[in-house]
C-alpha atoms as a PDB file:
ATOM      1  CA  MET A   1      33.788  28.641 154.871  1.00  0.00           C
ATOM      2  CA  ILE A   2      30.970  26.458 153.660  1.00  0.00           C
ATOM      3  CA  LYS A   3      29.109  29.465 152.111  1.00  0.00           C
ATOM      4  CA  ARG A   4      32.267  30.696 150.360  1.00  0.00           C
ATOM      5  CA  ALA A   5      32.816  27.244 148.863  1.00  0.00           C
ATOM      6  CA  GLY A   6      29.218  27.187 147.583  1.00  0.00           C
ATOM      7  CA  TRP A   7      29.601  30.539 145.783  1.00  0.00           C
ATOM      8  CA  LEU A   8      32.896  29.496 144.292  1.00  0.00           C
ATOM      9  CA  SER A   9      31.310  26.335 142.929  1.00  0.00           C
ATOM     10  CA  LEU A  10      28.473  28.316 141.422  1.00  0.00           C
ATOM     11  CA  LEU A  11      30.867  30.799 139.794  1.00  0.00           C
ATOM     12  CA  LEU A  12      32.958  27.900 138.405  1.00  0.00           C
ATOM     13  CA  VAL A  13      29.891  26.336 136.835  1.00  0.00           C
ATOM     14  CA  LEU A  14      28.815  29.612 135.312  1.00  0.00           C
ATOM     15  CA  GLY A  15      32.350  30.225 134.000  1.00  0.00           C
ATOM     16  CA  LEU A  16      32.518  26.816 132.388  1.00  0.00           C
ATOM     17  CA  ALA A  17      29.131  27.358 130.838  1.00  0.00           C
ATOM     18  CA  ALA A  18      30.231  30.687 129.409  1.00  0.00           C
ATOM     19  CA  ALA A  19      33.475  29.169 128.165  1.00  0.00           C
ATOM     20  CA  GLY A  20      31.508  26.356 126.438  1.00  0.00           C
ATOM     21  CA  CYS A  21      29.217  28.826 124.707  1.00  0.00           C
ATOM     22  CA  GLY A  22      32.145  30.864 123.437  1.00  0.00           C
ATOM     23  CA  SER A  23      33.944  27.788 122.154  1.00  0.00           C
ATOM     24  CA  GLU A  24      30.811  26.605 120.218  1.00  0.00           C
ATOM     25  CA  ALA A  25      30.299  30.005 118.584  1.00  0.00           C
ATOM     26  CA  THR A  26      33.782  30.079 117.079  1.00  0.00           C
ATOM     27  CA  SER A  27      33.922  26.434 116.001  1.00  0.00           C
ATOM     28  CA  THR A  28      31.226  26.751 113.244  1.00  0.00           C
ATOM     29  CA  PRO A  29      32.445  28.731 110.142  1.00  0.00           C
ATOM     30  CA  THR A  30      30.016  30.780 108.080  1.00  0.00           C
ATOM     31  CA  ALA A  31      29.934  31.754 104.406  1.00  0.00           C
ATOM     32  CA  THR A  32      30.931  35.281 105.385  1.00  0.00           C
ATOM     33  CA  SER A  33      33.127  36.766 108.152  1.00  0.00           C
ATOM     34  CA  ALA A  34      30.189  38.588 109.741  1.00  0.00           C
ATOM     35  CA  PRO A  35      28.008  36.474 112.087  1.00  0.00           C
ATOM     36  CA  SER A  36      24.262  36.547 111.637  1.00  0.00           C
ATOM     37  CA  ALA A  37      22.552  39.023 113.804  1.00  0.00           C
ATOM     38  CA  THR A  38      19.672  36.692 114.512  1.00  0.00           C
ATOM     39  CA  ALA A  39      19.092  32.972 114.665  1.00  0.00           C
ATOM     40  CA  THR A  40      16.189  33.134 112.117  1.00  0.00           C
ATOM     41  CA  PRO A  41      17.112  30.887 109.150  1.00  0.00           C
ATOM     42  CA  THR A  42      17.339  32.511 105.686  1.00  0.00           C
ATOM     43  CA  GLN A  43      14.553  31.302 103.307  1.00  0.00           C
ATOM     44  CA  PRO A  44      15.661  30.375  99.757  1.00  0.00           C
ATOM     45  CA  PRO A  45      14.307  32.770  97.138  1.00  0.00           C
ATOM     46  CA  LEU A  46      11.205  31.747  95.286  1.00  0.00           C
ATOM     47  CA  ALA A  47      11.894  30.322  91.814  1.00  0.00           C
ATOM     48  CA  THR A  48      10.936  32.600  88.976  1.00  0.00           C
ATOM     49  CA  SER A  49       9.363  31.537  85.657  1.00  0.00           C
ATOM     50  CA  THR A  50      12.446  32.644  83.713  1.00  0.00           C
ATOM     51  CA  HIS A  51      13.853  29.625  81.927  1.00  0.00           C
ATOM     52  CA  THR A  52      17.608  29.335  81.911  1.00  0.00           C
ATOM     53  CA  PRO A  53      18.397  27.796  78.491  1.00  0.00           C
ATOM     54  CA  SER A  54      20.869  25.039  78.088  1.00  0.00           C
ATOM     55  CA  PRO A  55      24.107  26.038  76.440  1.00  0.00           C
ATOM     56  CA  THR A  56      24.017  25.962  72.664  1.00  0.00           C
ATOM     57  CA  PRO A  57      26.471  23.759  70.821  1.00  0.00           C
ATOM     58  CA  THR A  58      28.673  26.824  70.168  1.00  0.00           C
ATOM     59  CA  GLN A  59      28.604  28.111  73.786  1.00  0.00           C
ATOM     60  CA  ALA A  60      31.991  28.091  75.520  1.00  0.00           C
ATOM     61  CA  PRO A  61      32.316  26.243  78.863  1.00  0.00           C
ATOM     62  CA  GLY A  62      31.571  28.534  81.753  1.00  0.00           C
ATOM     63  CA  GLU A  63      29.974  31.164  79.490  1.00  0.00           C
ATOM     64  CA  THR A  64      26.777  32.664  80.727  1.00  0.00           C
ATOM     65  CA  PRO A  65      23.992  30.988  78.731  1.00  0.00           C
ATOM     66  CA  ARG A  66      22.290  33.227  76.241  1.00  0.00           C
ATOM     67  CA  PRO A  67      18.525  32.960  76.408  1.00  0.00           C
ATOM     68  CA  THR A  68      16.977  31.526  73.305  1.00  0.00           C
ATOM     69  CA  PRO A  69      14.026  33.631  72.245  1.00  0.00           C
ATOM     70  CA  THR A  70      10.770  31.832  72.188  1.00  0.00           C
ATOM     71  CA  ALA A  71       9.585  31.642  68.553  1.00  0.00           C
ATOM     72  CA  THR A  72       6.236  33.152  67.944  1.00  0.00           C
ATOM     73  CA  PRO A  73       4.312  30.744  65.666  1.00  0.00           C
ATOM     74  CA  THR A  74       3.411  32.251  62.278  1.00  0.00           C
ATOM     75  CA  LEU A  75      -0.021  31.317  61.030  1.00  0.00           C
ATOM     76  CA  ARG A  76       0.019  30.357  57.360  1.00  0.00           C
ATOM     77  CA  PRO A  77      -3.026  29.984  55.135  1.00  0.00           C
ATOM     78  CA  PRO A  78      -3.909  26.418  54.321  1.00  0.00           C
ATOM     79  CA  ALA A  79      -1.795  25.220  51.442  1.00  0.00           C
ATOM     80  CA  THR A  80      -3.596  24.539  48.178  1.00  0.00           C
ATOM     81  CA  PRO A  81      -2.930  20.946  47.270  1.00  0.00           C
ATOM     82  CA  THR A  82      -0.806  20.772  44.139  1.00  0.00           C
ATOM     83  CA  ALA A  83      -0.835  17.610  42.152  1.00  0.00           C
ATOM     84  CA  THR A  84       2.615  16.177  41.714  1.00  0.00           C
ATOM     85  CA  PRO A  85       2.794  14.956  38.135  1.00  0.00           C
ATOM     86  CA  SER A  86       4.113  11.547  37.350  1.00  0.00           C
ATOM     87  CA  PRO A  87       7.424  11.458  35.508  1.00  0.00           C
ATOM     88  CA  THR A  88       7.111  11.337  31.743  1.00  0.00           C
ATOM     89  CA  PRO A  89       8.541   8.354  29.884  1.00  0.00           C
ATOM     90  CA  THR A  90      11.530  10.476  28.769  1.00  0.00           C
ATOM     91  CA  GLN A  91      12.317  11.861  32.243  1.00  0.00           C
ATOM     92  CA  ALA A  92      15.805  11.026  33.543  1.00  0.00           C
ATOM     93  CA  PRO A  93      16.143   9.326  36.967  1.00  0.00           C
ATOM     94  CA  GLY A  94      16.187  11.918  39.714  1.00  0.00           C
ATOM     95  CA  GLU A  95      14.979  14.680  37.394  1.00  0.00           C
ATOM     96  CA  THR A  96      12.358  17.051  38.725  1.00  0.00           C
ATOM     97  CA  PRO A  97       9.016  15.912  37.286  1.00  0.00           C
ATOM     98  CA  ARG A  98       7.610  18.244  34.671  1.00  0.00           C
ATOM     99  CA  PRO A  99       3.921  19.013  35.092  1.00  0.00           C
ATOM    100  CA  THR A 100       1.769  17.337  32.539  1.00  0.00           C
ATOM    101  CA  SER A 101      -1.030  19.531  31.273  1.00  0.00           C
ATOM    102  CA  THR A 102      -4.480  18.076  31.019  1.00  0.00           C
ATOM    103  CA  PRO A 103      -5.199  17.672  27.303  1.00  0.00           C
ATOM    104  CA  THR A 104      -8.131  19.665  25.962  1.00  0.00           C
ATOM    105  CA  PRO A 105     -10.523  17.454  24.011  1.00  0.00           C
ATOM    106  CA  THR A 106     -10.274  18.196  20.309  1.00  0.00           C
ATOM    107  CA  LEU A 107     -13.447  18.044  18.302  1.00  0.00           C
ATOM    108  CA  GLU A 108     -12.898  15.950  15.246  1.00  0.00           C
ATOM    109  CA  PRO A 109     -13.884  17.769  12.064  1.00  0.00           C
ATOM    110  CA  THR A 110     -16.566  16.253   9.920  1.00  0.00           C
ATOM    111  CA  ALA A 111     -14.918  13.744   7.668  1.00  0.00           C
ATOM    112  CA  THR A 112     -14.655  14.832   4.042  1.00  0.00           C
ATOM    113  CA  PRO A 113     -15.389  12.021   1.623  1.00  0.00           C
ATOM    114  CA  GLU A 114     -12.214  10.878  -0.047  1.00  0.00           C
ATOM    115  CA  ARG A 115     -11.908  11.796  -3.677  1.00  0.00           C
ATOM    116  CA  PRO A 116     -11.591   8.788  -5.933  1.00  0.00           C
ATOM    117  CA  THR A 117      -8.137   7.900  -7.172  1.00  0.00           C
ATOM    118  CA  GLY A 118      -7.519   6.941 -10.767  1.00  0.00           C
ATOM    119  CA  GLU A 119      -6.833   8.393 -14.191  1.00  0.00           C
ATOM    120  CA  VAL A 120      -8.289  11.846 -14.850  1.00  0.00           C
ATOM    121  CA  ILE A 121      -8.941  13.283 -18.311  1.00  0.00           C
ATOM    122  CA  ASN A 122     -10.483  16.546 -19.510  1.00  0.00           C
ATOM    123  CA  LEU A 123     -12.467  16.304 -22.733  1.00  0.00           C
ATOM    124  CA  GLY A 124     -13.721  19.002 -25.069  1.00  0.00           C
ATOM    125  CA  PRO A 125     -17.008  18.448 -26.934  1.00  0.00           C
ATOM    126  CA  SER A 126     -17.029  16.487 -30.166  1.00  0.00           C
ATOM    127  CA  LYS A 127     -20.100  18.502 -31.197  1.00  0.00           C
ATOM    128  CA  ASP A 128     -22.627  21.006 -29.788  1.00  0.00           C
ATOM    129  CA  ASN A 129     -25.615  22.960 -31.110  1.00  0.00           C
ATOM    130  CA  THR A 130     -28.746  24.882 -30.109  1.00  0.00           C
ATOM    131  CA  LEU A 131     -32.296  23.746 -30.742  1.00  0.00           C
ATOM    132  CA  TYR A 132     -34.308  26.944 -31.406  1.00  0.00           C
ATOM    133  CA  GLU A 133     -38.024  26.379 -30.925  1.00  0.00           C
ATOM    134  CA  ASN A 134     -39.655  26.564 -34.371  1.00  0.00           C
ATOM    135  CA  ALA A 135     -42.426  24.482 -35.893  1.00  0.00           C
ATOM    136  CA  THR A 136     -40.523  23.853 -39.144  1.00  0.00           C
ATOM    137  CA  GLY A 137     -37.024  23.462 -37.767  1.00  0.00           C
ATOM    138  CA  SER A 138     -35.743  26.385 -39.798  1.00  0.00           C
ATOM    139  CA  PHE A 139     -33.124  27.670 -37.323  1.00  0.00           C
ATOM    140  CA  SER A 140     -29.877  26.326 -35.967  1.00  0.00           C
ATOM    141  CA  ASN A 141     -26.328  27.459 -35.055  1.00  0.00           C
ATOM    142  CA  GLY A 142     -24.029  24.516 -35.777  1.00  0.00           C
ATOM    143  CA  ILE A 143     -20.635  26.247 -35.646  1.00  0.00           C
ATOM    144  CA  GLY A 144     -21.581  29.396 -33.769  1.00  0.00           C
ATOM    145  CA  ALA A 145     -19.528  30.681 -30.812  1.00  0.00           C
ATOM    146  CA  HIS A 146     -22.438  30.264 -28.378  1.00  0.00           C
ATOM    147  CA  ILE A 147     -25.126  27.817 -27.266  1.00  0.00           C
ATOM    148  CA  PHE A 148     -28.383  28.706 -25.435  1.00  0.00           C
ATOM    149  CA  VAL A 149     -30.691  27.377 -22.711  1.00  0.00           C
ATOM    150  CA  GLY A 150     -34.069  28.836 -21.610  1.00  0.00           C
ATOM    151  CA  ASN A 151     -36.635  31.152 -23.206  1.00  0.00           C
ATOM    152  CA  ASN A 152     -35.971  34.250 -25.283  1.00  0.00           C
ATOM    153  CA  ALA A 153     -37.988  37.484 -25.185  1.00  0.00           C
ATOM    154  CA  GLY A 154     -40.719  35.894 -27.326  1.00  0.00           C
ATOM    155  CA  SER A 155     -41.003  32.926 -24.906  1.00  0.00           C
ATOM    156  CA  GLN A 156     -39.512  30.589 -27.480  1.00  0.00           C
ATOM    157  CA  ALA A 157     -37.436  27.832 -25.944  1.00  0.00           C
ATOM    158  CA  ARG A 158     -33.764  27.179 -26.536  1.00  0.00           C
ATOM    159  CA  ARG A 159     -32.046  23.914 -25.655  1.00  0.00           C
ATOM    160  CA  THR A 160     -28.375  22.977 -25.906  1.00  0.00           C
ATOM    161  CA  VAL A 161     -27.299  19.574 -27.206  1.00  0.00           C
ATOM    162  CA  ILE A 162     -23.708  18.530 -26.492  1.00  0.00           C
ATOM    163  CA  ALA A 163     -21.661  15.324 -26.827  1.00  0.00           C
ATOM    164  CA  PHE A 164     -18.126  14.084 -25.996  1.00  0.00           C
ATOM    165  CA  ASP A 165     -16.177  11.292 -27.684  1.00  0.00           C
ATOM    166  CA  ILE A 166     -15.448   9.361 -24.506  1.00  0.00           C
ATOM    167  CA  ALA A 167     -14.585   5.982 -26.037  1.00  0.00           C
ATOM    168  CA  SER A 168     -11.597   7.477 -27.858  1.00  0.00           C
ATOM    169  CA  GLN A 169     -10.051   8.627 -24.540  1.00  0.00           C
ATOM    170  CA  VAL A 170     -11.205   6.090 -21.941  1.00  0.00           C
ATOM    171  CA  PRO A 171     -10.124   2.462 -22.505  1.00  0.00           C
ATOM    172  CA  ALA A 172     -12.862  -0.140 -22.880  1.00  0.00           C
ATOM    173  CA  GLY A 173     -13.455  -2.025 -19.654  1.00  0.00           C
ATOM    174  CA  SER A 174     -12.591   1.006 -17.478  1.00  0.00           C
ATOM    175  CA  THR A 175     -14.617   1.790 -14.354  1.00  0.00           C
ATOM    176  CA  ILE A 176     -15.955   5.344 -14.199  1.00  0.00           C
ATOM    177  CA  GLN A 177     -15.598   6.909 -10.758  1.00  0.00           C
ATOM    178  CA  GLU A 178     -16.474  10.582 -11.166  1.00  0.00           C
ATOM    179  CA  VAL A 179     -17.856  12.897 -13.866  1.00  0.00           C
ATOM    180  CA  THR A 180     -18.273  16.702 -13.929  1.00  0.00           C
ATOM    181  CA  LEU A 181     -19.421  19.048 -16.692  1.00  0.00           C
ATOM    182  CA  THR A 182     -18.247  22.682 -16.760  1.00  0.00           C
ATOM    183  CA  LEU A 183     -19.576  25.476 -18.989  1.00  0.00           C
ATOM    184  CA  ARG A 184     -18.996  29.222 -19.009  1.00  0.00           C
ATOM    185  CA  MET A 185     -22.116  31.416 -19.050  1.00  0.00           C
ATOM    186  CA  SER A 186     -21.414  34.703 -20.874  1.00  0.00           C
ATOM    187  CA  ARG A 187     -24.745  36.538 -21.244  1.00  0.00           C
ATOM    188  CA  THR A 188     -28.141  36.674 -19.535  1.00  0.00           C
ATOM    189  CA  ARG A 189     -31.012  38.959 -18.576  1.00  0.00           C
ATOM    190  CA  ALA A 190     -32.380  36.620 -15.952  1.00  0.00           C
ATOM    191  CA  GLY A 191     -31.513  35.921 -12.349  1.00  0.00           C
ATOM    192  CA  PRO A 192     -30.533  32.478 -11.079  1.00  0.00           C
ATOM    193  CA  GLU A 193     -32.159  29.658 -13.026  1.00  0.00           C
ATOM    194  CA  THR A 194     -31.887  25.899 -12.575  1.00  0.00           C
ATOM    195  CA  ILE A 195     -30.553  24.082 -15.594  1.00  0.00           C
ATOM    196  CA  ARG A 196     -30.919  20.304 -15.856  1.00  0.00           C
ATOM    197  CA  VAL A 197     -28.893  17.758 -17.820  1.00  0.00           C
ATOM    198  CA  HIS A 198     -30.703  14.814 -19.492  1.00  0.00           C
ATOM    199  CA  ARG A 199     -29.239  11.911 -21.472  1.00  0.00           C
ATOM    200  CA  LEU A 200     -30.181  11.966 -25.169  1.00  0.00           C
ATOM    201  CA  LEU A 201     -31.706   8.830 -26.685  1.00  0.00           C
ATOM    202  CA  ALA A 202     -31.004   9.492 -30.377  1.00  0.00           C
ATOM    203  CA  ASP A 203     -28.162  10.784 -32.518  1.00  0.00           C
ATOM    204  CA  TRP A 204     -28.082  14.314 -33.957  1.00  0.00           C
ATOM    205  CA  GLY A 205     -25.830  16.558 -36.073  1.00  0.00           C
ATOM    206  CA  GLU A 206     -23.826  19.772 -36.188  1.00  0.00           C
ATOM    207  CA  GLY A 207     -23.973  21.527 -39.562  1.00  0.00           C
ATOM    208  CA  ALA A 208     -22.218  24.605 -40.883  1.00  0.00           C
ATOM    209  CA  SER A 209     -24.809  27.165 -39.729  1.00  0.00           C
ATOM    210  CA  ASN A 210     -23.235  30.155 -37.939  1.00  0.00           C
ATOM    211  CA  ALA A 211     -25.446  32.858 -36.393  1.00  0.00           C
ATOM    212  CA  SER A 212     -24.320  36.480 -36.214  1.00  0.00           C
ATOM    213  CA  GLY A 213     -24.522  39.085 -33.450  1.00  0.00           C
ATOM    214  CA  ASN A 214     -25.378  37.690 -30.016  1.00  0.00           C
ATOM    215  CA  GLU A 215     -26.666  34.549 -31.799  1.00  0.00           C
ATOM    216  CA  GLY A 216     -29.853  34.432 -29.730  1.00  0.00           C
ATOM    217  CA  THR A 217     -32.140  34.017 -32.741  1.00  0.00           C
ATOM    218  CA  GLY A 218     -29.931  31.544 -34.624  1.00  0.00           C
ATOM    219  CA  THR A 219     -29.641  31.394 -38.376  1.00  0.00           C
ATOM    220  CA  SER A 220     -30.960  29.312 -41.242  1.00  0.00           C
ATOM    221  CA  SER A 221     -30.433  25.606 -40.724  1.00  0.00           C
ATOM    222  CA  ALA A 222     -27.688  23.959 -42.774  1.00  0.00           C
ATOM    223  CA  SER A 223     -27.508  20.365 -43.990  1.00  0.00           C
ATOM    224  CA  GLY A 224     -26.993  17.943 -41.150  1.00  0.00           C
ATOM    225  CA  ASP A 225     -27.922  20.477 -38.433  1.00  0.00           C
ATOM    226  CA  ALA A 226     -29.890  19.523 -35.350  1.00  0.00           C
ATOM    227  CA  THR A 227     -33.026  21.665 -35.050  1.00  0.00           C
ATOM    228  CA  TRP A 228     -36.126  21.737 -32.864  1.00  0.00           C
ATOM    229  CA  VAL A 229     -37.696  19.334 -35.333  1.00  0.00           C
ATOM    230  CA  HIS A 230     -34.760  17.529 -36.936  1.00  0.00           C
ATOM    231  CA  ARG A 231     -31.972  15.345 -35.708  1.00  0.00           C
ATOM    232  CA  PHE A 232     -30.285  15.929 -39.072  1.00  0.00           C
ATOM    233  CA  PHE A 233     -31.647  18.711 -41.241  1.00  0.00           C
ATOM    234  CA  ASN A 234     -33.515  18.084 -43.517  1.00  0.00           C
ATOM    235  CA  SER A 235     -33.891  14.320 -43.383  1.00  0.00           C
ATOM    236  CA  ASP A 236     -34.194  12.706 -39.953  1.00  0.00           C
ATOM    237  CA  SER A 237     -36.540  14.077 -37.309  1.00  0.00           C
ATOM    238  CA  TRP A 238     -36.879  13.693 -33.567  1.00  0.00           C
ATOM    239  CA  ASN A 239     -39.685  11.511 -32.329  1.00  0.00           C
ATOM    240  CA  ASN A 240     -40.554  14.430 -30.073  1.00  0.00           C
ATOM    241  CA  PRO A 241     -39.944  18.081 -31.126  1.00  0.00           C
ATOM    242  CA  GLY A 242     -37.241  19.541 -28.937  1.00  0.00           C
ATOM    243  CA  GLY A 243     -35.280  16.267 -28.769  1.00  0.00           C
ATOM    244  CA  ASP A 244     -35.609  12.684 -27.535  1.00  0.00           C
ATOM    245  CA  PHE A 245     -34.148  12.333 -24.043  1.00  0.00           C
ATOM    246  CA  SER A 246     -34.497  10.501 -20.754  1.00  0.00           C
ATOM    247  CA  SER A 247     -37.063  11.921 -18.359  1.00  0.00           C
ATOM    248  CA  VAL A 248     -34.591  11.341 -15.525  1.00  0.00           C
ATOM    249  CA  SER A 249     -32.320  14.305 -14.841  1.00  0.00           C
ATOM    250  CA  SER A 250     -28.685  13.258 -14.639  1.00  0.00           C
ATOM    251  CA  ALA A 251     -27.585  16.464 -12.848  1.00  0.00           C
ATOM    252  CA  SER A 252     -28.681  20.051 -12.250  1.00  0.00           C
ATOM    253  CA  THR A 253     -27.217  23.341 -11.065  1.00  0.00           C
ATOM    254  CA  SER A 254     -28.318  26.935 -10.529  1.00  0.00           C
ATOM    255  CA  VAL A 255     -26.883  29.445 -12.994  1.00  0.00           C
ATOM    256  CA  GLY A 256     -26.867  33.150 -12.134  1.00  0.00           C
ATOM    257  CA  GLY A 257     -24.532  35.843 -13.449  1.00  0.00           C
ATOM    258  CA  SER A 258     -21.654  35.487 -15.870  1.00  0.00           C
ATOM    259  CA  GLY A 259     -19.007  32.924 -14.981  1.00  0.00           C
ATOM    260  CA  SER A 260     -18.156  29.241 -15.049  1.00  0.00           C
ATOM    261  CA  TYR A 261     -20.610  26.668 -13.694  1.00  0.00           C
ATOM    262  CA  THR A 262     -20.067  22.998 -12.935  1.00  0.00           C
ATOM    263  CA  TRP A 263     -22.600  20.215 -12.831  1.00  0.00           C
ATOM    264  CA  GLY A 264     -21.145  18.099 -10.071  1.00  0.00           C
ATOM    265  CA  SER A 265     -20.692  14.375 -10.232  1.00  0.00           C
ATOM    266  CA  THR A 266     -23.810  12.332  -9.531  1.00  0.00           C
ATOM    267  CA  SER A 267     -24.496   8.623  -9.681  1.00  0.00           C
ATOM    268  CA  GLN A 268     -26.576   9.216 -12.820  1.00  0.00           C
ATOM    269  CA  LEU A 269     -23.846  11.195 -14.612  1.00  0.00           C
ATOM    270  CA  VAL A 270     -21.409   8.389 -13.777  1.00  0.00           C
ATOM    271  CA  ALA A 271     -23.907   5.793 -15.032  1.00  0.00           C
ATOM    272  CA  ASP A 272     -24.380   7.733 -18.283  1.00  0.00           C
ATOM    273  CA  VAL A 273     -20.650   7.814 -19.020  1.00  0.00           C
ATOM    274  CA  GLN A 274     -20.115   4.220 -17.876  1.00  0.00           C
ATOM    275  CA  GLY A 275     -22.799   3.116 -20.324  1.00  0.00           C
ATOM    276  CA  TRP A 276     -21.094   5.022 -23.141  1.00  0.00           C
ATOM    277  CA  VAL A 277     -17.719   3.420 -22.331  1.00  0.00           C
ATOM    278  CA  ASP A 278     -19.310  -0.020 -22.352  1.00  0.00           C
ATOM    279  CA  GLN A 279     -21.422   0.716 -25.492  1.00  0.00           C
ATOM    280  CA  PRO A 280     -19.991   3.624 -27.487  1.00  0.00           C
ATOM    281  CA  SER A 281     -22.730   3.270 -30.118  1.00  0.00           C
ATOM    282  CA  ILE A 282     -25.351   4.665 -27.720  1.00  0.00           C
ATOM    283  CA  ASN A 283     -23.350   7.775 -26.809  1.00  0.00           C
ATOM    284  CA  PHE A 284     -25.566  10.633 -28.006  1.00  0.00           C
ATOM    285  CA  GLY A 285     -24.579  13.084 -25.319  1.00  0.00           C
ATOM    286  CA  TRP A 286     -26.911  15.282 -23.249  1.00  0.00           C
ATOM    287  CA  VAL A 287     -29.498  17.993 -23.693  1.00  0.00           C
ATOM    288  CA  LEU A 288     -29.501  20.998 -21.279  1.00  0.00           C
ATOM    289  CA  ILE A 289     -32.932  22.333 -20.371  1.00  0.00           C
ATOM    290  CA  GLY A 290     -33.624  25.511 -18.377  1.00  0.00           C
ATOM    291  CA  ASN A 291     -36.652  27.543 -17.331  1.00  0.00           C
ATOM    292  CA  GLU A 292     -39.090  27.477 -20.272  1.00  0.00           C
ATOM    293  CA  ALA A 293     -42.085  28.789 -18.345  1.00  0.00           C
ATOM    294  CA  GLY A 294     -41.369  32.515 -18.614  1.00  0.00           C
ATOM    295  CA  SER A 295     -39.917  35.193 -20.846  1.00  0.00           C
ATOM    296  CA  GLN A 296     -36.244  36.165 -21.047  1.00  0.00           C
ATOM    297  CA  THR A 297     -34.988  33.286 -18.906  1.00  0.00           C
ATOM    298  CA  ALA A 298     -32.327  32.327 -21.455  1.00  0.00           C
ATOM    299  CA  LYS A 299     -28.659  31.783 -20.533  1.00  0.00           C
ATOM    300  CA  ARG A 300     -25.953  31.993 -23.183  1.00  0.00           C
ATOM    301  CA  PHE A 301     -22.943  29.680 -22.839  1.00  0.00           C
ATOM    302  CA  ASP A 302     -19.712  29.567 -24.815  1.00  0.00           C
ATOM    303  CA  SER A 303     -19.500  26.731 -27.336  1.00  0.00           C
ATOM    304  CA  ARG A 304     -16.639  24.507 -28.466  1.00  0.00           C
ATOM    305  CA  GLU A 305     -16.007  26.944 -31.342  1.00  0.00           C
ATOM    306  CA  ASN A 306     -15.596  29.937 -29.034  1.00  0.00           C
ATOM    307  CA  GLY A 307     -12.536  32.049 -29.805  1.00  0.00           C
ATOM    308  CA  THR A 308     -11.284  31.789 -26.193  1.00  0.00           C
ATOM    309  CA  SER A 309     -10.255  28.186 -25.608  1.00  0.00           C
ATOM    310  CA  ALA A 310     -10.400  28.555 -21.799  1.00  0.00           C
ATOM    311  CA  ASN A 311     -14.142  29.360 -22.087  1.00  0.00           C
ATOM    312  CA  ARG A 312     -15.073  26.191 -23.958  1.00  0.00           C
ATOM    313  CA  PRO A 313     -17.044  23.338 -22.319  1.00  0.00           C
ATOM    314  CA  VAL A 314     -15.069  20.670 -20.448  1.00  0.00           C
ATOM    315  CA  LEU A 315     -16.057  17.178 -19.339  1.00  0.00           C
ATOM    316  CA  THR A 316     -13.804  15.826 -16.559  1.00  0.00           C
ATOM    317  CA  VAL A 317     -13.801  12.061 -16.141  1.00  0.00           C
ATOM    318  CA  THR A 318     -12.035  10.074 -13.413  1.00  0.00           C
ATOM    319  CA  TYR A 319     -11.740   6.360 -14.138  1.00  0.00           C
ATOM    320  CA  THR A 320      -9.880   3.193 -13.198  1.00  0.00           C
ATOM    321  CA  PRO A 321      -8.286   1.450 -16.197  1.00  0.00           C
ATOM    322  CA  PRO A 322      -9.065  -2.241 -16.717  1.00  0.00           C
END
């Protein structure tokens, strides 16, 4: 009896133990209906490097996030600094500034002396003549169409004397500012020659002599003519054959081929005319002297009696009235 009771007790214990194990296995639910085959715990998967982006502002709730592509940086060349111009004074507020170009320095031209202002008159000669070199003063050309300067083929000198009645056109007390003398050269055998203007120191005359042809040799002197020897043929003579004149040249210019030539204004030309305005009684005009050292250096100019008025001598005077 005692042995049977011992076995029954042992079987009861074992039964209870088995019943407890079965009750514990069914009391714990699992994520799935199938029990795990083993008691080894499942390891969580290793995290990958894939980044799950946050939903974009337009992503619907519960929508699978769309991965945002990683932007590949674009390398740009260094920007060239551009100067931002300051607004111009006329620029409206908020207006895009207009670039202001850098001004290029401008070279100032050489200043041209200002021409004097005042009254300007053009005068024709009151008289002109040619002094033909001759020991007796036998030749002149008082009213001929031409006047001469320089040497002829026989190396005999020719000099032009010319005067202008300035006091009748320029009021007394005026200030002379500028003076130019223009003559037209109409015949020559020579190249360029310098012709000088000198102020005459004594009075002289223009008679009725009138040479023919090219007038280079002149004609017989008439009463009152200026000659190489005479101031007035056949009474008053020059102190010096060939005329009495200042040794100081008032102006000079080079005369070449046919055409008009101007003796430009100089301080001495201005002084000559100013003196004649202030003292008309000493206005004897000028003598023109060229190259008298060689042969055939003569230049023929048109005189005040020339048939073409545009070819006649002109004295241009600029002055300020009193």
